[in-house]
N, C-alpha and C. Protein backbone atom coordinates (compact mmCIF):
# COMPACT_ATOMS: atom_id res chain seq x y z
N MET A 1 146.98 10.69 107.79
CA MET A 1 146.45 10.18 107.18
C MET A 1 145.14 8.78 107.70
N GLY A 2 146.13 7.83 108.06
CA GLY A 2 145.52 6.67 108.67
C GLY A 2 144.15 6.67 109.53
N PRO A 3 143.87 8.01 110.13
CA PRO A 3 142.67 7.85 111.13
C PRO A 3 141.14 8.18 110.20
N GLN A 4 141.73 9.29 108.69
CA GLN A 4 140.63 9.75 108.26
C GLN A 4 140.67 8.19 107.02
N MET A 5 141.62 7.52 106.84
CA MET A 5 141.14 6.93 105.96
C MET A 5 140.08 5.75 106.21
N ASN A 6 140.37 5.55 107.68
CA ASN A 6 139.44 4.25 108.43
C ASN A 6 138.16 4.88 108.64
N SER A 7 137.61 6.02 108.55
CA SER A 7 136.57 6.64 108.94
C SER A 7 135.73 6.55 107.70
N ARG A 8 136.96 7.45 106.26
CA ARG A 8 135.82 6.75 105.35
C ARG A 8 135.81 5.77 104.90
N THR A 9 136.29 4.77 105.07
CA THR A 9 136.36 3.51 104.60
C THR A 9 135.22 2.61 105.72
N LEU A 10 135.21 2.82 106.97
CA LEU A 10 133.88 2.98 107.74
C LEU A 10 132.81 3.36 107.24
N GLY A 11 132.83 4.81 106.88
CA GLY A 11 131.43 5.04 106.37
C GLY A 11 131.01 4.08 104.80
N LEU A 12 132.06 4.46 104.23
CA LEU A 12 131.69 3.26 102.83
C LEU A 12 131.49 1.74 102.95
N VAL A 13 131.83 0.95 103.87
CA VAL A 13 131.04 -0.16 104.69
C VAL A 13 129.98 0.21 104.96
N ILE A 14 129.78 1.28 105.72
CA ILE A 14 128.40 1.39 106.39
C ILE A 14 127.11 1.56 105.37
N VAL A 15 127.30 2.28 104.34
CA VAL A 15 126.69 2.60 103.55
C VAL A 15 126.64 1.25 102.67
N ALA A 16 127.29 0.26 102.14
CA ALA A 16 127.15 -0.80 101.56
C ALA A 16 126.06 -1.61 102.16
N LEU A 17 126.44 -2.00 103.33
CA LEU A 17 125.73 -2.90 104.46
C LEU A 17 124.21 -1.82 104.13
N MET A 18 123.80 -0.87 104.08
CA MET A 18 122.26 -0.26 104.23
C MET A 18 121.91 -0.85 102.86
N VAL A 19 122.77 -0.44 101.56
CA VAL A 19 122.21 -0.79 100.43
C VAL A 19 121.86 -2.01 100.49
N ILE A 20 123.08 -3.30 101.02
CA ILE A 20 122.18 -4.55 100.79
C ILE A 20 121.42 -5.03 101.89
N GLY A 21 121.05 -4.40 102.57
CA GLY A 21 120.30 -4.90 103.68
C GLY A 21 118.86 -4.08 103.12
N ALA A 22 119.01 -3.50 102.46
CA ALA A 22 117.44 -2.47 101.38
C ALA A 22 117.06 -3.85 100.54
N CYS A 23 117.76 -4.40 99.70
CA CYS A 23 117.83 -5.04 99.02
C CYS A 23 117.62 -5.96 99.36
N SER A 24 117.60 -6.59 100.35
CA SER A 24 117.61 -8.18 101.19
C SER A 24 115.86 -8.63 100.98
N THR A 25 115.71 -10.03 100.28
CA THR A 25 114.35 -10.41 100.16
C THR A 25 114.07 -11.01 101.49
N ASP A 26 115.02 -11.05 102.38
CA ASP A 26 114.51 -12.09 103.87
C ASP A 26 113.35 -11.09 104.43
N ASP A 27 113.46 -9.59 104.54
CA ASP A 27 112.74 -8.99 105.93
C ASP A 27 110.98 -8.94 104.34
N GLN A 28 110.06 -9.58 105.39
CA GLN A 28 108.34 -9.68 105.08
C GLN A 28 108.12 -8.63 105.09
N SER A 29 108.66 -7.17 105.54
CA SER A 29 108.00 -6.36 105.82
C SER A 29 108.13 -5.16 104.79
N THR A 30 109.12 -5.35 103.42
CA THR A 30 109.24 -5.03 102.69
C THR A 30 108.24 -4.62 101.89
N THR A 31 107.22 -2.84 101.84
CA THR A 31 106.84 -2.84 100.22
C THR A 31 106.99 -2.39 98.94
N ALA A 32 106.13 -3.68 98.29
CA ALA A 32 106.98 -3.35 96.75
C ALA A 32 105.58 -2.09 96.22
N VAL A 33 106.20 -1.02 95.41
CA VAL A 33 106.20 -0.15 94.65
C VAL A 33 105.72 -0.70 93.52
N THR A 34 104.63 -0.43 93.19
CA THR A 34 104.54 -1.17 91.08
C THR A 34 104.08 0.26 90.62
N THR A 35 103.94 0.45 89.15
CA THR A 35 103.75 1.45 88.36
C THR A 35 103.14 0.56 86.97
N ALA A 36 101.93 1.73 86.89
CA ALA A 36 101.26 0.99 85.57
C ALA A 36 102.18 0.66 84.18
N PRO A 37 101.81 -0.42 83.71
CA PRO A 37 103.18 -0.31 82.39
C PRO A 37 102.77 1.08 81.11
N THR A 38 103.49 1.27 80.47
CA THR A 38 103.64 2.84 79.93
C THR A 38 103.74 1.99 78.50
N THR A 39 102.21 2.38 77.44
CA THR A 39 102.24 2.24 76.51
C THR A 39 102.83 3.27 75.51
N ILE A 40 103.78 3.36 74.87
CA ILE A 40 104.17 4.28 73.66
C ILE A 40 103.34 3.31 72.20
N LYS A 41 103.35 4.62 72.08
CA LYS A 41 102.80 4.70 70.34
C LYS A 41 103.32 5.22 69.43
N THR A 42 103.65 4.50 68.39
CA THR A 42 104.55 5.07 67.44
C THR A 42 103.50 5.68 65.96
N ALA A 43 103.92 6.28 65.76
CA ALA A 43 102.89 7.21 64.63
C ALA A 43 103.24 6.65 63.69
N ALA A 44 102.00 5.53 63.04
CA ALA A 44 102.84 5.39 61.48
C ALA A 44 102.80 6.48 60.57
N ALA A 45 104.13 5.60 59.91
CA ALA A 45 105.10 6.78 59.00
C ALA A 45 104.04 7.29 57.82
N SER A 46 103.59 8.36 57.72
CA SER A 46 102.59 9.02 56.63
C SER A 46 103.03 8.88 55.03
N THR A 47 102.55 8.43 54.33
CA THR A 47 103.35 7.90 52.82
C THR A 47 103.62 9.48 52.34
N ASN A 48 103.52 10.40 52.55
CA ASN A 48 104.11 11.44 52.31
C ASN A 48 105.43 11.60 52.82
N ASP A 49 105.82 11.05 54.15
CA ASP A 49 107.24 10.65 53.47
C ASP A 49 107.89 9.91 52.81
N LEU A 50 107.08 9.51 51.85
CA LEU A 50 107.69 8.44 50.95
C LEU A 50 107.70 9.04 49.77
N ALA A 51 107.65 10.53 49.68
CA ALA A 51 107.75 11.29 48.39
C ALA A 51 108.88 11.68 48.01
N ARG A 52 109.11 11.52 46.87
CA ARG A 52 110.76 11.42 46.06
C ARG A 52 111.28 12.93 46.52
N GLY A 53 112.61 13.44 46.02
CA GLY A 53 112.59 14.59 46.80
C GLY A 53 112.63 14.98 47.70
N SER A 54 112.49 16.34 47.98
CA SER A 54 112.40 16.90 49.59
C SER A 54 111.19 16.34 49.84
N GLY A 55 110.58 15.98 49.42
CA GLY A 55 108.99 15.59 49.76
C GLY A 55 108.11 16.99 49.56
N CYS A 56 107.05 16.57 50.08
CA CYS A 56 105.62 17.46 49.83
C CYS A 56 105.16 17.94 50.95
N THR A 57 105.54 18.45 51.93
CA THR A 57 104.81 19.02 53.12
C THR A 57 106.42 19.68 54.13
N PRO A 58 106.40 21.20 53.41
CA PRO A 58 107.81 21.35 54.08
C PRO A 58 107.69 21.86 55.28
N GLY A 59 106.27 21.95 55.52
CA GLY A 59 105.90 22.72 56.78
C GLY A 59 105.77 24.30 56.42
N THR A 60 106.29 24.86 56.18
CA THR A 60 106.50 26.32 56.13
C THR A 60 105.47 27.03 54.59
N ASP A 61 105.38 27.89 54.92
CA ASP A 61 104.76 29.04 53.63
C ASP A 61 106.01 28.99 52.82
N HIS A 62 107.30 28.84 53.34
CA HIS A 62 107.81 28.78 51.46
C HIS A 62 108.56 27.90 51.86
N LEU A 63 109.11 27.54 50.51
CA LEU A 63 109.89 26.39 49.84
C LEU A 63 111.70 26.10 50.64
N PRO A 64 111.72 25.43 51.38
CA PRO A 64 113.54 25.79 51.64
C PRO A 64 113.88 24.61 50.98
N ASP A 65 115.64 25.41 50.77
CA ASP A 65 116.09 24.86 49.86
C ASP A 65 115.95 23.27 49.95
N GLY A 66 116.08 22.83 48.48
CA GLY A 66 115.88 21.13 48.13
C GLY A 66 115.06 21.01 46.63
N ASP A 67 114.94 19.65 46.22
CA ASP A 67 114.25 19.42 44.95
C ASP A 67 112.88 19.79 45.73
N TRP A 68 111.88 20.07 44.54
CA TRP A 68 110.36 19.51 45.01
C TRP A 68 110.04 19.91 43.83
N PHE A 69 108.69 18.97 43.65
CA PHE A 69 107.93 18.44 42.58
C PHE A 69 106.36 19.52 42.82
N GLY A 70 105.76 19.41 41.51
CA GLY A 70 104.70 20.22 41.49
C GLY A 70 104.55 21.01 40.20
N GLU A 71 103.68 21.80 39.98
CA GLU A 71 103.05 22.26 38.81
C GLU A 71 103.56 23.67 38.65
N VAL A 72 103.63 24.17 37.55
CA VAL A 72 103.76 25.57 37.55
C VAL A 72 102.88 26.14 37.13
N VAL A 73 101.95 26.61 37.97
CA VAL A 73 101.05 27.71 37.60
C VAL A 73 101.28 28.88 36.58
N ARG A 74 102.09 29.61 36.98
CA ARG A 74 102.12 30.91 36.26
C ARG A 74 104.04 30.99 35.96
N ALA A 75 104.47 31.67 35.03
CA ALA A 75 105.55 31.58 34.83
C ALA A 75 105.58 33.17 34.24
N ASP A 76 106.57 34.05 35.20
CA ASP A 76 106.59 35.21 35.00
C ASP A 76 108.25 35.54 34.70
N ALA A 77 108.79 36.74 34.34
CA ALA A 77 110.23 36.48 33.65
C ALA A 77 111.06 36.45 34.68
N GLY A 78 110.49 36.88 35.97
CA GLY A 78 111.26 36.77 37.22
C GLY A 78 111.27 36.03 38.61
N GLU A 79 109.62 35.10 38.29
CA GLU A 79 109.40 34.62 39.17
C GLU A 79 108.18 33.56 38.95
N LEU A 80 107.79 32.64 39.53
CA LEU A 80 107.07 31.71 39.29
C LEU A 80 106.42 31.41 39.82
N GLU A 81 104.77 31.03 39.84
CA GLU A 81 103.77 30.83 40.86
C GLU A 81 104.25 28.98 40.59
N PHE A 82 104.17 28.51 41.42
CA PHE A 82 104.32 27.16 42.25
C PHE A 82 103.57 26.29 42.93
N ASP A 83 102.81 25.38 42.29
CA ASP A 83 101.46 24.06 43.21
C ASP A 83 102.19 23.22 44.03
N LEU A 84 102.76 23.01 44.72
CA LEU A 84 103.64 21.95 45.16
C LEU A 84 102.61 20.84 45.44
N ALA A 85 103.12 19.41 45.22
CA ALA A 85 102.71 17.69 44.86
C ALA A 85 103.87 17.06 45.42
N CYS A 86 103.12 16.08 45.87
CA CYS A 86 103.73 14.87 45.90
C CYS A 86 103.92 14.01 44.81
N TRP A 87 105.21 13.65 44.53
CA TRP A 87 105.50 12.78 43.18
C TRP A 87 106.21 10.95 44.48
N PHE A 88 105.11 10.07 43.77
CA PHE A 88 105.72 8.83 44.29
C PHE A 88 106.03 7.64 43.07
N ASP A 89 106.92 6.69 43.27
CA ASP A 89 106.95 5.91 42.43
C ASP A 89 106.75 4.56 43.11
N GLY A 90 106.94 3.55 42.73
CA GLY A 90 107.40 1.98 43.09
C GLY A 90 106.27 1.67 44.03
N ASP A 91 106.79 0.77 44.86
CA ASP A 91 105.85 0.75 46.52
C ASP A 91 105.08 1.88 46.82
N ALA A 92 106.24 2.68 46.76
CA ALA A 92 105.58 3.84 47.67
C ALA A 92 104.21 4.72 46.95
N ALA A 93 104.48 4.51 45.41
CA ALA A 93 102.98 5.15 44.95
C ALA A 93 102.13 3.94 44.85
N ILE A 94 102.38 2.59 44.64
CA ILE A 94 101.36 2.30 45.79
C ILE A 94 100.36 2.03 46.72
N ALA A 95 101.00 2.51 47.79
CA ALA A 95 100.96 2.31 48.65
C ALA A 95 100.00 3.78 49.41
N ALA A 96 100.78 5.30 48.78
CA ALA A 96 99.94 6.54 48.78
C ALA A 96 98.54 6.35 47.77
N ALA A 97 98.51 5.16 46.70
CA ALA A 97 97.15 5.22 45.88
C ALA A 97 96.38 4.72 47.00
N ALA A 98 96.63 3.46 47.42
CA ALA A 98 95.88 2.97 48.45
C ALA A 98 95.40 3.68 49.18
N GLU A 99 96.28 4.64 49.89
CA GLU A 99 95.56 5.49 50.93
C GLU A 99 94.88 6.19 50.79
N ASP A 100 94.74 6.88 49.54
CA ASP A 100 93.55 7.64 48.95
C ASP A 100 92.50 6.78 48.67
N GLY A 101 92.25 5.58 48.01
CA GLY A 101 91.17 5.04 47.62
C GLY A 101 91.64 4.62 45.96
N GLU A 102 92.64 4.37 46.06
CA GLU A 102 93.02 4.52 43.91
C GLU A 102 93.55 3.37 44.01
N ARG A 103 93.11 3.06 42.90
CA ARG A 103 93.75 1.82 42.58
C ARG A 103 94.90 2.08 40.80
N LEU A 104 96.06 1.59 41.42
CA LEU A 104 97.29 2.31 40.42
C LEU A 104 97.35 1.16 39.57
N ARG A 105 97.24 1.71 38.07
CA ARG A 105 97.71 1.39 36.95
C ARG A 105 98.39 1.81 36.26
N ILE A 106 99.50 2.87 36.96
CA ILE A 106 100.80 3.22 36.18
C ILE A 106 101.11 2.69 37.33
N ASP A 107 102.90 3.28 37.20
CA ASP A 107 104.51 3.05 37.95
C ASP A 107 104.44 4.48 38.70
N TYR A 108 103.34 5.20 38.49
CA TYR A 108 103.52 6.58 39.47
C TYR A 108 102.54 6.97 40.22
N TYR A 109 102.20 7.88 41.04
CA TYR A 109 101.21 8.44 41.42
C TYR A 109 101.42 9.88 42.17
N ILE A 110 100.58 10.92 41.86
CA ILE A 110 100.63 11.97 41.99
C ILE A 110 99.86 12.43 43.22
N ARG A 111 100.11 13.24 44.35
CA ARG A 111 99.00 12.98 45.08
C ARG A 111 98.86 14.88 45.21
N ASN A 112 98.06 15.92 45.69
CA ASN A 112 98.07 16.96 45.12
C ASN A 112 96.68 17.04 45.86
N VAL A 113 96.78 17.83 47.27
CA VAL A 113 95.35 18.11 48.06
C VAL A 113 95.52 19.09 48.54
N SER A 114 96.33 20.36 48.34
CA SER A 114 96.23 21.58 48.44
C SER A 114 96.12 22.55 47.28
N THR A 115 95.38 23.84 47.24
CA THR A 115 95.68 23.94 46.01
C THR A 115 96.34 25.60 46.43
N LYS A 116 97.29 25.73 47.08
CA LYS A 116 98.09 26.66 47.78
C LYS A 116 99.03 26.73 47.15
N THR A 117 99.47 28.05 46.73
CA THR A 117 100.75 28.10 45.41
C THR A 117 101.47 28.74 45.90
N ARG A 118 103.15 28.59 45.87
CA ARG A 118 103.76 29.94 46.49
C ARG A 118 104.38 30.33 45.26
N ARG A 119 104.51 31.72 45.38
CA ARG A 119 105.80 32.33 44.83
C ARG A 119 107.22 31.96 45.11
N LEU A 120 108.03 31.69 43.72
CA LEU A 120 108.82 31.56 43.73
C LEU A 120 109.94 32.70 42.70
N PRO A 121 111.04 33.54 43.37
CA PRO A 121 111.75 34.20 42.20
C PRO A 121 112.87 32.56 41.31
N ILE A 122 113.37 33.46 40.47
CA ILE A 122 114.02 32.38 39.13
C ILE A 122 115.11 33.21 39.11
N ALA A 123 116.47 32.49 39.19
CA ALA A 123 117.57 32.93 39.06
C ALA A 123 117.84 33.45 37.64
N ASP A 124 118.34 33.90 37.06
CA ASP A 124 118.52 34.75 35.58
C ASP A 124 119.43 33.37 35.19
N ASP A 125 120.11 32.66 35.22
CA ASP A 125 121.21 31.53 34.82
C ASP A 125 119.94 30.20 34.81
N THR A 126 118.89 30.07 35.67
CA THR A 126 117.86 28.74 35.44
C THR A 126 118.10 28.09 34.42
N THR A 127 118.29 27.24 34.52
CA THR A 127 118.27 26.28 33.33
C THR A 127 117.04 25.33 33.36
N VAL A 128 116.79 24.64 32.50
CA VAL A 128 115.62 23.86 32.73
C VAL A 128 115.15 22.46 31.35
N VAL A 129 115.39 21.28 32.08
CA VAL A 129 115.50 20.50 31.41
C VAL A 129 114.01 19.38 30.50
N TRP A 130 114.38 19.74 29.33
CA TRP A 130 112.53 20.10 28.70
C TRP A 130 112.59 19.09 27.68
N TYR A 131 111.53 18.38 27.41
CA TYR A 131 111.33 17.20 27.11
C TYR A 131 110.84 17.78 25.43
N GLY A 132 110.40 18.79 25.44
CA GLY A 132 110.06 19.32 24.12
C GLY A 132 108.82 19.06 24.14
N LEU A 133 107.69 19.58 22.69
CA LEU A 133 106.71 18.86 22.29
C LEU A 133 106.24 17.70 21.58
N GLY A 134 105.20 17.15 22.84
CA GLY A 134 105.04 15.50 22.00
C GLY A 134 105.53 15.03 22.92
N ALA A 135 106.14 13.83 22.34
CA ALA A 135 106.56 12.47 22.75
C ALA A 135 108.57 12.22 22.57
N ALA A 136 108.95 12.75 23.52
CA ALA A 136 110.14 13.28 23.17
C ALA A 136 111.30 12.17 24.09
N ASP A 137 111.93 11.30 23.43
CA ASP A 137 112.85 10.74 24.16
C ASP A 137 113.97 11.05 25.29
N PRO A 138 113.11 10.44 26.50
CA PRO A 138 113.77 10.70 28.38
C PRO A 138 115.10 10.72 28.49
N ALA A 139 115.91 9.74 27.55
CA ALA A 139 117.28 9.49 27.43
C ALA A 139 118.53 11.01 26.95
N ASP A 140 117.13 11.67 26.27
CA ASP A 140 117.99 12.42 25.59
C ASP A 140 116.85 14.35 25.27
N PRO A 141 116.84 14.13 26.69
CA PRO A 141 116.37 15.96 26.98
C PRO A 141 116.88 16.75 26.73
N GLU A 142 116.67 18.26 26.01
CA GLU A 142 117.33 19.44 25.71
C GLU A 142 117.65 20.11 26.81
N MET A 143 118.57 20.74 27.25
CA MET A 143 118.36 21.97 28.21
C MET A 143 118.22 23.41 27.63
N ILE A 144 117.44 24.06 28.00
CA ILE A 144 117.33 25.13 27.97
C ILE A 144 116.57 26.14 28.36
N SER A 145 117.08 27.42 28.78
CA SER A 145 117.19 28.66 29.56
C SER A 145 114.93 28.25 29.98
N TYR A 146 115.16 29.53 31.11
CA TYR A 146 113.45 29.44 31.81
C TYR A 146 112.90 29.95 30.49
N ALA A 147 113.80 31.40 30.07
CA ALA A 147 113.57 32.38 29.21
C ALA A 147 112.66 31.42 27.67
N GLU A 148 113.05 30.55 27.52
CA GLU A 148 112.87 30.25 26.39
C GLU A 148 111.93 28.66 26.89
N TRP A 149 111.66 28.63 27.75
CA TRP A 149 111.13 27.53 28.64
C TRP A 149 109.70 27.78 28.77
N ARG A 150 109.83 29.20 28.91
CA ARG A 150 108.61 29.70 29.24
C ARG A 150 107.77 30.18 28.11
N VAL A 151 108.48 30.35 26.68
CA VAL A 151 107.80 30.60 25.72
C VAL A 151 107.68 29.36 24.85
N PHE A 152 107.50 27.96 24.96
CA PHE A 152 107.73 27.08 24.49
C PHE A 152 106.44 26.20 25.39
N ASP A 153 107.05 25.97 26.70
CA ASP A 153 106.07 24.94 27.47
C ASP A 153 104.58 25.71 28.07
N LEU A 154 104.57 26.74 28.30
CA LEU A 154 103.36 27.22 28.54
C LEU A 154 102.48 27.17 27.91
N GLU A 155 102.88 27.37 26.54
CA GLU A 155 101.99 27.19 25.76
C GLU A 155 100.91 26.12 25.46
N HIS A 156 101.48 24.47 25.87
CA HIS A 156 101.38 23.69 25.97
C HIS A 156 100.50 22.70 27.16
N ILE A 157 101.19 23.71 28.04
CA ILE A 157 100.37 23.44 29.52
C ILE A 157 101.25 21.99 29.43
N CYS A 158 102.91 22.55 30.39
CA CYS A 158 103.62 20.98 30.77
C CYS A 158 103.27 19.84 31.23
N CYS A 159 103.87 18.78 30.59
CA CYS A 159 103.66 17.79 31.14
C CYS A 159 103.31 17.31 32.73
N ALA A 160 104.12 16.45 33.46
CA ALA A 160 103.06 15.23 34.55
C ALA A 160 103.79 16.39 35.78
N GLY A 161 104.25 17.37 35.35
CA GLY A 161 105.06 18.85 36.84
C GLY A 161 106.33 18.77 36.46
N VAL A 162 106.84 19.29 37.26
CA VAL A 162 108.39 19.64 36.90
C VAL A 162 109.00 19.41 38.38
N TRP A 163 110.26 19.56 38.43
CA TRP A 163 110.97 19.36 39.74
C TRP A 163 111.50 20.64 39.66
N LEU A 164 111.67 21.75 40.49
CA LEU A 164 112.39 22.97 41.28
C LEU A 164 113.63 22.72 42.00
N THR A 165 114.80 23.24 41.90
CA THR A 165 115.68 23.37 42.89
C THR A 165 115.59 24.56 43.32
N VAL A 166 115.58 24.70 44.42
CA VAL A 166 115.74 26.01 44.93
C VAL A 166 116.75 25.63 46.16
N ASP A 167 117.47 27.20 45.72
CA ASP A 167 118.73 27.18 46.52
C ASP A 167 118.90 28.23 46.84
N ALA A 168 119.14 28.39 48.44
CA ALA A 168 119.36 30.12 48.98
C ALA A 168 117.85 30.91 48.53
N GLY A 169 116.47 30.30 48.24
CA GLY A 169 115.69 30.95 48.58
C GLY A 169 115.42 30.80 47.19
N VAL A 170 115.53 30.88 45.76
CA VAL A 170 115.14 30.74 44.16
C VAL A 170 115.59 29.57 43.74
N VAL A 171 115.04 29.88 42.75
CA VAL A 171 114.86 28.54 41.93
C VAL A 171 116.05 28.76 40.93
N THR A 172 117.11 27.62 41.01
CA THR A 172 118.28 27.77 40.11
C THR A 172 118.16 26.62 39.22
N ARG A 173 117.14 25.53 39.20
CA ARG A 173 117.02 24.26 38.46
C ARG A 173 115.61 24.12 38.00
N MET A 174 115.36 23.77 37.00
CA MET A 174 114.07 23.28 36.72
C MET A 174 114.17 22.28 35.92
N GLU A 175 113.41 20.30 35.47
CA GLU A 175 113.65 19.59 35.01
C GLU A 175 112.08 19.27 35.20
N GLU A 176 111.40 18.79 33.46
CA GLU A 176 110.43 18.42 33.33
C GLU A 176 110.15 16.99 34.44
N GLN A 177 108.90 16.55 34.76
CA GLN A 177 108.95 15.32 34.96
C GLN A 177 108.44 14.42 33.83
N TRP A 178 109.34 13.37 33.39
CA TRP A 178 109.04 12.61 32.13
C TRP A 178 108.18 11.73 32.46
N VAL A 179 106.65 11.47 32.04
CA VAL A 179 106.04 10.24 31.87
C VAL A 179 105.60 9.43 30.50
N PRO A 180 105.53 8.32 30.25
CA PRO A 180 105.38 7.89 29.06
C PRO A 180 103.87 8.07 28.00
């Protein structure tokens, strides 16, 4: 085993000397290789990314599972037609309104740039957080069934919008967005 260790050790020493020699700055004949600096651009975060809930740009024709804000355009017994929108509040509302050239005078902002609607099935036991007709107390909403909501709310065209909870592709809960 002695001769093998010696040749292995000798090989490592030779490689080490070659590396040290290649890195030496004493040799004036060394050619330096330079590359142009790479500019990394980071995309500015879209204000849509600041929207509440699951957002407002799902990237698909159907709504994935999550909480989505928008307007119910039509409500049938087993499904509804939904116009997805963006809901912003606080600093996000200010930024989104400014981006759209609007001056914000309230503490929320709704952006709806698409007229596309989506048809979504409704679970039989879907409940709705309902603020009623007129100025209801936001601290004390009523819980009603989707069937009751269809009768009451579509007559006066609901609120500022609704939040839908989509689970396994089906609407399982709705909540009216209360605004003063």
